[in-house]
Amino acid sequence: QVQLVESGGGLVQAGGSLRLSCAASGRTFSRYVMGWFRQAPGKEREFVATITWSGWIHYADAVQGRFTISRDNSMNTVYLQMNSLKPEDTAVYYCAQKSLVSSTKASEYDYWGQGTQVTVSS
């Protein structure tokens, strides 16, 4: 049984930073693709960033240059460092896991965490 548990969300002023963590358990973490998605009220879930088992990374245009995804396979954890936060970054952030190749499509991910709220005030 795969479990993903996010942490690190909170309230921050515009221009500030937060670091999200996602701890995984249940299968060999290092073999799988990890992704971060977010969902704002009234909007669809959208792709934020993804990292493969080998460290290949891809970002959504909206966060490129401000967010950094990383993983520590020894800790079974993926991180999302978020800098220069904007009010439009306000959302529930989810981590997700899938097999094989990287993807920006939420429907292609097999497992999801419960989400962590990020609120950016102006």
N, C-alpha and C. Protein backbone atom coordinates (compact mmCIF):
# COMPACT_ATOMS: atom_id res chain seq x y z
N GLN A 1 0.84 -1.18 0.00
CA GLN A 1 0.00 0.00 0.00
C GLN A 1 0.89 1.25 0.00
N VAL A 2 0.81 2.02 -1.08
CA VAL A 2 1.61 3.24 -1.19
C VAL A 2 0.93 4.36 -0.41
N GLN A 3 1.72 5.06 0.36
CA GLN A 3 1.23 6.24 1.07
C GLN A 3 2.14 7.43 0.76
N LEU A 4 1.51 8.57 0.50
CA LEU A 4 2.23 9.82 0.28
C LEU A 4 1.69 10.84 1.26
N VAL A 5 2.59 11.45 2.02
CA VAL A 5 2.17 12.40 3.05
C VAL A 5 2.90 13.72 2.85
N GLU A 6 2.13 14.77 2.51
CA GLU A 6 2.71 16.08 2.29
C GLU A 6 2.77 16.86 3.59
N SER A 7 3.72 17.79 3.66
CA SER A 7 3.82 18.70 4.79
C SER A 7 4.52 19.97 4.33
N GLY A 8 4.44 21.01 5.16
CA GLY A 8 5.17 22.23 4.86
C GLY A 8 4.34 23.39 4.35
N GLY A 9 3.06 23.16 4.13
CA GLY A 9 2.22 24.26 3.67
C GLY A 9 1.98 25.28 4.77
N GLY A 10 1.36 26.40 4.39
CA GLY A 10 1.07 27.43 5.37
C GLY A 10 0.71 28.74 4.72
N LEU A 11 0.71 29.79 5.53
CA LEU A 11 0.39 31.14 5.07
C LEU A 11 1.68 31.95 4.97
N VAL A 12 1.87 32.60 3.83
CA VAL A 12 3.08 33.38 3.61
C VAL A 12 2.72 34.64 2.83
N GLN A 13 3.48 35.68 3.03
CA GLN A 13 3.26 36.91 2.27
C GLN A 13 3.86 36.78 0.87
N ALA A 14 3.32 37.53 -0.04
CA ALA A 14 3.85 37.56 -1.41
C ALA A 14 5.34 37.89 -1.38
N GLY A 15 6.10 37.16 -2.18
CA GLY A 15 7.54 37.32 -2.20
C GLY A 15 8.27 36.37 -1.27
N GLY A 16 7.52 35.71 -0.40
CA GLY A 16 8.12 34.80 0.55
C GLY A 16 8.38 33.42 -0.03
N SER A 17 8.82 32.51 0.85
CA SER A 17 9.19 31.16 0.44
C SER A 17 8.57 30.12 1.36
N LEU A 18 8.36 28.95 0.79
CA LEU A 18 7.94 27.77 1.54
C LEU A 18 8.63 26.56 0.93
N ARG A 19 8.81 25.54 1.76
CA ARG A 19 9.35 24.27 1.26
C ARG A 19 8.38 23.16 1.61
N LEU A 20 7.85 22.52 0.60
CA LEU A 20 6.96 21.40 0.80
C LEU A 20 7.76 20.10 0.77
N SER A 21 7.31 19.14 1.56
CA SER A 21 7.90 17.81 1.57
C SER A 21 6.81 16.79 1.32
N CYS A 22 7.19 15.68 0.74
CA CYS A 22 6.27 14.57 0.53
C CYS A 22 7.02 13.29 0.85
N ALA A 23 6.62 12.63 1.93
CA ALA A 23 7.24 11.38 2.35
C ALA A 23 6.46 10.21 1.78
N ALA A 24 7.17 9.30 1.15
CA ALA A 24 6.54 8.16 0.49
C ALA A 24 6.88 6.87 1.21
N SER A 25 5.94 5.94 1.17
CA SER A 25 6.17 4.61 1.72
C SER A 25 5.36 3.61 0.92
N GLY A 26 5.77 2.34 1.00
CA GLY A 26 4.97 1.29 0.40
C GLY A 26 5.58 0.59 -0.79
N ARG A 27 6.50 1.26 -1.50
CA ARG A 27 7.23 0.58 -2.58
C ARG A 27 8.53 1.33 -2.79
N THR A 28 9.41 0.76 -3.59
CA THR A 28 10.75 1.30 -3.73
C THR A 28 10.71 2.68 -4.38
N PHE A 29 10.87 3.68 -3.56
CA PHE A 29 10.70 5.07 -3.97
C PHE A 29 11.57 5.44 -5.16
N SER A 30 12.80 4.98 -5.17
CA SER A 30 13.76 5.44 -6.16
C SER A 30 13.40 5.03 -7.58
N ARG A 31 12.49 4.09 -7.74
CA ARG A 31 12.15 3.59 -9.06
C ARG A 31 11.06 4.40 -9.76
N TYR A 32 10.45 5.34 -9.06
CA TYR A 32 9.23 5.96 -9.57
C TYR A 32 9.37 7.46 -9.82
N VAL A 33 8.52 7.93 -10.72
CA VAL A 33 8.41 9.34 -11.02
C VAL A 33 7.57 10.02 -9.94
N MET A 34 8.01 11.18 -9.51
CA MET A 34 7.25 11.96 -8.53
C MET A 34 6.83 13.29 -9.15
N GLY A 35 5.64 13.71 -8.80
CA GLY A 35 5.14 14.98 -9.33
C GLY A 35 4.47 15.81 -8.26
N TRP A 36 4.44 17.10 -8.51
CA TRP A 36 3.67 18.04 -7.68
C TRP A 36 2.60 18.67 -8.55
N PHE A 37 1.40 18.72 -8.01
CA PHE A 37 0.27 19.36 -8.66
C PHE A 37 -0.36 20.32 -7.66
N ARG A 38 -1.22 21.19 -8.15
CA ARG A 38 -1.94 22.08 -7.25
C ARG A 38 -3.35 22.32 -7.76
N GLN A 39 -4.23 22.65 -6.83
CA GLN A 39 -5.62 22.91 -7.20
C GLN A 39 -6.14 24.08 -6.39
N ALA A 40 -6.50 25.15 -7.09
CA ALA A 40 -7.09 26.32 -6.46
C ALA A 40 -8.61 26.17 -6.45
N PRO A 41 -9.29 26.87 -5.56
CA PRO A 41 -10.76 26.76 -5.49
C PRO A 41 -11.41 27.09 -6.82
N GLY A 42 -12.30 26.21 -7.26
CA GLY A 42 -13.02 26.43 -8.49
C GLY A 42 -12.23 26.14 -9.75
N LYS A 43 -11.02 25.64 -9.61
CA LYS A 43 -10.18 25.35 -10.77
C LYS A 43 -9.81 23.88 -10.81
N GLU A 44 -9.37 23.45 -12.00
CA GLU A 44 -8.92 22.08 -12.14
C GLU A 44 -7.52 21.92 -11.54
N ARG A 45 -7.22 20.68 -11.21
CA ARG A 45 -5.88 20.38 -10.72
C ARG A 45 -4.88 20.60 -11.85
N GLU A 46 -3.78 21.29 -11.54
CA GLU A 46 -2.80 21.60 -12.57
C GLU A 46 -1.41 21.13 -12.19
N PHE A 47 -0.65 20.82 -13.21
CA PHE A 47 0.72 20.34 -13.06
C PHE A 47 1.61 21.47 -12.57
N VAL A 48 2.54 21.13 -11.68
CA VAL A 48 3.52 22.09 -11.17
C VAL A 48 4.94 21.67 -11.57
N ALA A 49 5.33 20.45 -11.20
CA ALA A 49 6.69 19.99 -11.47
C ALA A 49 6.75 18.48 -11.38
N THR A 50 7.74 17.89 -12.05
CA THR A 50 7.94 16.46 -11.96
C THR A 50 9.42 16.14 -11.98
N ILE A 51 9.78 15.02 -11.36
CA ILE A 51 11.17 14.57 -11.34
C ILE A 51 11.19 13.05 -11.49
N THR A 52 12.02 12.56 -12.38
CA THR A 52 12.12 11.12 -12.60
C THR A 52 13.08 10.49 -11.61
N TRP A 53 13.15 9.16 -11.67
CA TRP A 53 14.06 8.44 -10.78
C TRP A 53 15.51 8.84 -11.04
N SER A 54 15.81 9.25 -12.28
CA SER A 54 17.19 9.61 -12.63
C SER A 54 17.49 11.08 -12.43
N GLY A 55 16.46 11.86 -12.05
CA GLY A 55 16.68 13.27 -11.78
C GLY A 55 16.31 14.21 -12.90
N TRP A 56 15.70 13.69 -13.97
CA TRP A 56 15.22 14.59 -15.04
C TRP A 56 14.03 15.38 -14.49
N ILE A 57 14.02 16.67 -14.77
CA ILE A 57 13.05 17.59 -14.16
C ILE A 57 12.32 18.40 -15.23
N HIS A 58 11.06 18.65 -14.97
CA HIS A 58 10.26 19.51 -15.84
C HIS A 58 9.32 20.36 -14.99
N TYR A 59 9.19 21.64 -15.34
CA TYR A 59 8.33 22.56 -14.60
C TYR A 59 7.24 23.14 -15.48
N ALA A 60 6.14 23.50 -14.85
CA ALA A 60 5.13 24.28 -15.54
C ALA A 60 5.70 25.68 -15.78
N ASP A 61 5.27 26.30 -16.85
CA ASP A 61 5.76 27.64 -17.17
C ASP A 61 5.50 28.63 -16.04
N ALA A 62 4.38 28.46 -15.34
CA ALA A 62 3.98 29.42 -14.31
C ALA A 62 4.93 29.45 -13.12
N VAL A 63 5.71 28.37 -12.93
CA VAL A 63 6.58 28.29 -11.76
C VAL A 63 8.05 28.22 -12.13
N GLN A 64 8.34 28.09 -13.42
CA GLN A 64 9.73 28.00 -13.88
C GLN A 64 10.54 29.18 -13.36
N GLY A 65 11.68 28.87 -12.75
CA GLY A 65 12.55 29.92 -12.23
C GLY A 65 12.26 30.33 -10.80
N ARG A 66 11.11 29.90 -10.28
CA ARG A 66 10.75 30.24 -8.89
C ARG A 66 10.69 29.01 -7.99
N PHE A 67 10.27 27.89 -8.56
CA PHE A 67 10.13 26.65 -7.79
C PHE A 67 11.24 25.68 -8.18
N THR A 68 11.63 24.85 -7.20
CA THR A 68 12.64 23.82 -7.45
C THR A 68 12.17 22.50 -6.85
N ILE A 69 12.10 21.48 -7.69
CA ILE A 69 11.76 20.15 -7.22
C ILE A 69 13.04 19.36 -7.03
N SER A 70 13.06 18.53 -5.99
CA SER A 70 14.22 17.67 -5.74
C SER A 70 13.73 16.43 -5.02
N ARG A 71 14.59 15.43 -4.98
CA ARG A 71 14.24 14.19 -4.28
C ARG A 71 15.45 13.65 -3.56
N ASP A 72 15.17 13.00 -2.44
CA ASP A 72 16.20 12.31 -1.67
C ASP A 72 15.76 10.86 -1.58
N ASN A 73 16.33 10.02 -2.41
CA ASN A 73 15.90 8.63 -2.46
C ASN A 73 16.25 7.88 -1.18
N SER A 74 17.26 8.32 -0.47
CA SER A 74 17.60 7.66 0.80
C SER A 74 16.57 7.95 1.88
N MET A 75 15.83 9.06 1.71
CA MET A 75 14.81 9.46 2.69
C MET A 75 13.40 9.22 2.17
N ASN A 76 13.29 8.68 0.94
CA ASN A 76 11.98 8.43 0.32
C ASN A 76 11.12 9.70 0.32
N THR A 77 11.75 10.80 0.00
CA THR A 77 11.07 12.09 0.09
C THR A 77 11.34 12.94 -1.16
N VAL A 78 10.30 13.63 -1.59
CA VAL A 78 10.42 14.61 -2.66
C VAL A 78 10.07 15.98 -2.08
N TYR A 79 10.75 17.00 -2.57
CA TYR A 79 10.60 18.35 -2.04
C TYR A 79 10.16 19.31 -3.14
N LEU A 80 9.52 20.39 -2.72
CA LEU A 80 9.23 21.49 -3.63
C LEU A 80 9.58 22.78 -2.91
N GLN A 81 10.70 23.38 -3.30
CA GLN A 81 11.10 24.67 -2.76
C GLN A 81 10.42 25.76 -3.58
N MET A 82 9.66 26.60 -2.93
CA MET A 82 8.88 27.62 -3.61
C MET A 82 9.37 29.00 -3.16
N ASN A 83 9.92 29.75 -4.07
CA ASN A 83 10.42 31.09 -3.80
C ASN A 83 9.62 32.12 -4.58
N SER A 84 9.74 33.37 -4.17
CA SER A 84 9.05 34.48 -4.86
C SER A 84 7.58 34.16 -5.05
N LEU A 85 6.95 33.72 -4.00
CA LEU A 85 5.55 33.29 -4.09
C LEU A 85 4.64 34.46 -4.43
N LYS A 86 3.60 34.13 -5.18
CA LYS A 86 2.61 35.10 -5.62
C LYS A 86 1.24 34.69 -5.12
N PRO A 87 0.31 35.64 -4.99
CA PRO A 87 -1.06 35.26 -4.56
C PRO A 87 -1.68 34.19 -5.46
N GLU A 88 -1.35 34.20 -6.73
CA GLU A 88 -1.91 33.20 -7.64
C GLU A 88 -1.34 31.81 -7.44
N ASP A 89 -0.33 31.67 -6.57
CA ASP A 89 0.17 30.35 -6.20
C ASP A 89 -0.67 29.70 -5.11
N THR A 90 -1.63 30.44 -4.56
CA THR A 90 -2.49 29.91 -3.52
C THR A 90 -3.29 28.71 -4.04
N ALA A 91 -3.17 27.58 -3.33
CA ALA A 91 -3.82 26.34 -3.77
C ALA A 91 -3.52 25.25 -2.75
N VAL A 92 -4.22 24.14 -2.91
CA VAL A 92 -3.83 22.91 -2.22
C VAL A 92 -2.81 22.22 -3.11
N TYR A 93 -1.67 21.88 -2.54
CA TYR A 93 -0.59 21.24 -3.28
C TYR A 93 -0.57 19.75 -2.96
N TYR A 94 -0.50 18.95 -4.02
CA TYR A 94 -0.50 17.51 -3.90
C TYR A 94 0.77 16.92 -4.50
N CYS A 95 1.31 15.90 -3.85
CA CYS A 95 2.35 15.12 -4.52
C CYS A 95 1.72 13.84 -5.05
N ALA A 96 2.34 13.29 -6.07
CA ALA A 96 1.81 12.12 -6.73
C ALA A 96 2.95 11.26 -7.24
N GLN A 97 2.65 9.99 -7.49
CA GLN A 97 3.68 9.04 -7.92
C GLN A 97 3.15 8.22 -9.09
N LYS A 98 4.04 7.93 -10.02
CA LYS A 98 3.67 7.08 -11.15
C LYS A 98 4.88 6.25 -11.56
N SER A 99 4.59 5.27 -12.42
CA SER A 99 5.65 4.40 -12.93
C SER A 99 6.17 4.91 -14.27
N LEU A 100 7.31 4.38 -14.64
CA LEU A 100 7.88 4.55 -15.98
C LEU A 100 8.20 6.01 -16.30
N VAL A 101 7.56 6.59 -17.31
CA VAL A 101 8.00 7.88 -17.81
C VAL A 101 7.31 9.03 -17.11
N SER A 102 7.94 10.18 -17.21
CA SER A 102 7.42 11.39 -16.61
C SER A 102 6.15 11.84 -17.34
N SER A 103 5.32 12.60 -16.63
CA SER A 103 4.09 13.11 -17.26
C SER A 103 3.63 14.38 -16.56
N THR A 104 2.94 15.23 -17.31
CA THR A 104 2.33 16.43 -16.73
C THR A 104 0.82 16.23 -16.52
N LYS A 105 0.32 15.03 -16.84
CA LYS A 105 -1.11 14.75 -16.74
C LYS A 105 -1.45 14.08 -15.42
N ALA A 106 -2.33 14.70 -14.67
CA ALA A 106 -2.72 14.16 -13.37
C ALA A 106 -3.32 12.77 -13.49
N SER A 107 -4.04 12.53 -14.58
CA SER A 107 -4.72 11.25 -14.76
C SER A 107 -3.76 10.08 -14.90
N GLU A 108 -2.50 10.37 -15.19
CA GLU A 108 -1.53 9.29 -15.40
C GLU A 108 -0.78 8.90 -14.13
N TYR A 109 -1.05 9.60 -13.04
CA TYR A 109 -0.40 9.28 -11.77
C TYR A 109 -1.25 8.29 -10.98
N ASP A 110 -0.56 7.34 -10.34
CA ASP A 110 -1.24 6.22 -9.69
C ASP A 110 -1.64 6.53 -8.25
N TYR A 111 -0.80 7.25 -7.54
CA TYR A 111 -1.02 7.48 -6.11
C TYR A 111 -0.89 8.96 -5.79
N TRP A 112 -1.69 9.38 -4.79
CA TRP A 112 -1.76 10.79 -4.41
C TRP A 112 -1.71 10.96 -2.91
N GLY A 113 -1.13 12.07 -2.49
CA GLY A 113 -1.21 12.44 -1.09
C GLY A 113 -2.51 13.17 -0.79
N GLN A 114 -2.68 13.57 0.45
CA GLN A 114 -3.92 14.21 0.87
C GLN A 114 -3.93 15.71 0.59
N GLY A 115 -2.76 16.26 0.30
CA GLY A 115 -2.64 17.68 -0.02
C GLY A 115 -2.26 18.53 1.18
N THR A 116 -1.63 19.66 0.88
CA THR A 116 -1.27 20.63 1.90
C THR A 116 -1.59 22.03 1.37
N GLN A 117 -2.22 22.84 2.20
CA GLN A 117 -2.69 24.16 1.77
C GLN A 117 -1.54 25.17 1.78
N VAL A 118 -1.42 25.88 0.68
CA VAL A 118 -0.49 27.01 0.58
C VAL A 118 -1.32 28.26 0.29
N THR A 119 -1.18 29.26 1.15
CA THR A 119 -1.90 30.52 0.98
C THR A 119 -0.90 31.66 0.94
N VAL A 120 -0.95 32.44 -0.13
CA VAL A 120 -0.04 33.56 -0.31
C VAL A 120 -0.86 34.85 -0.25
N SER A 121 -0.56 35.68 0.73
CA SER A 121 -1.30 36.93 0.89
C SER A 121 -0.59 38.06 0.14
N SER A 122 -1.40 39.00 -0.33
CA SER A 122 -0.84 40.11 -1.10
C SER A 122 -0.47 41.29 -0.21
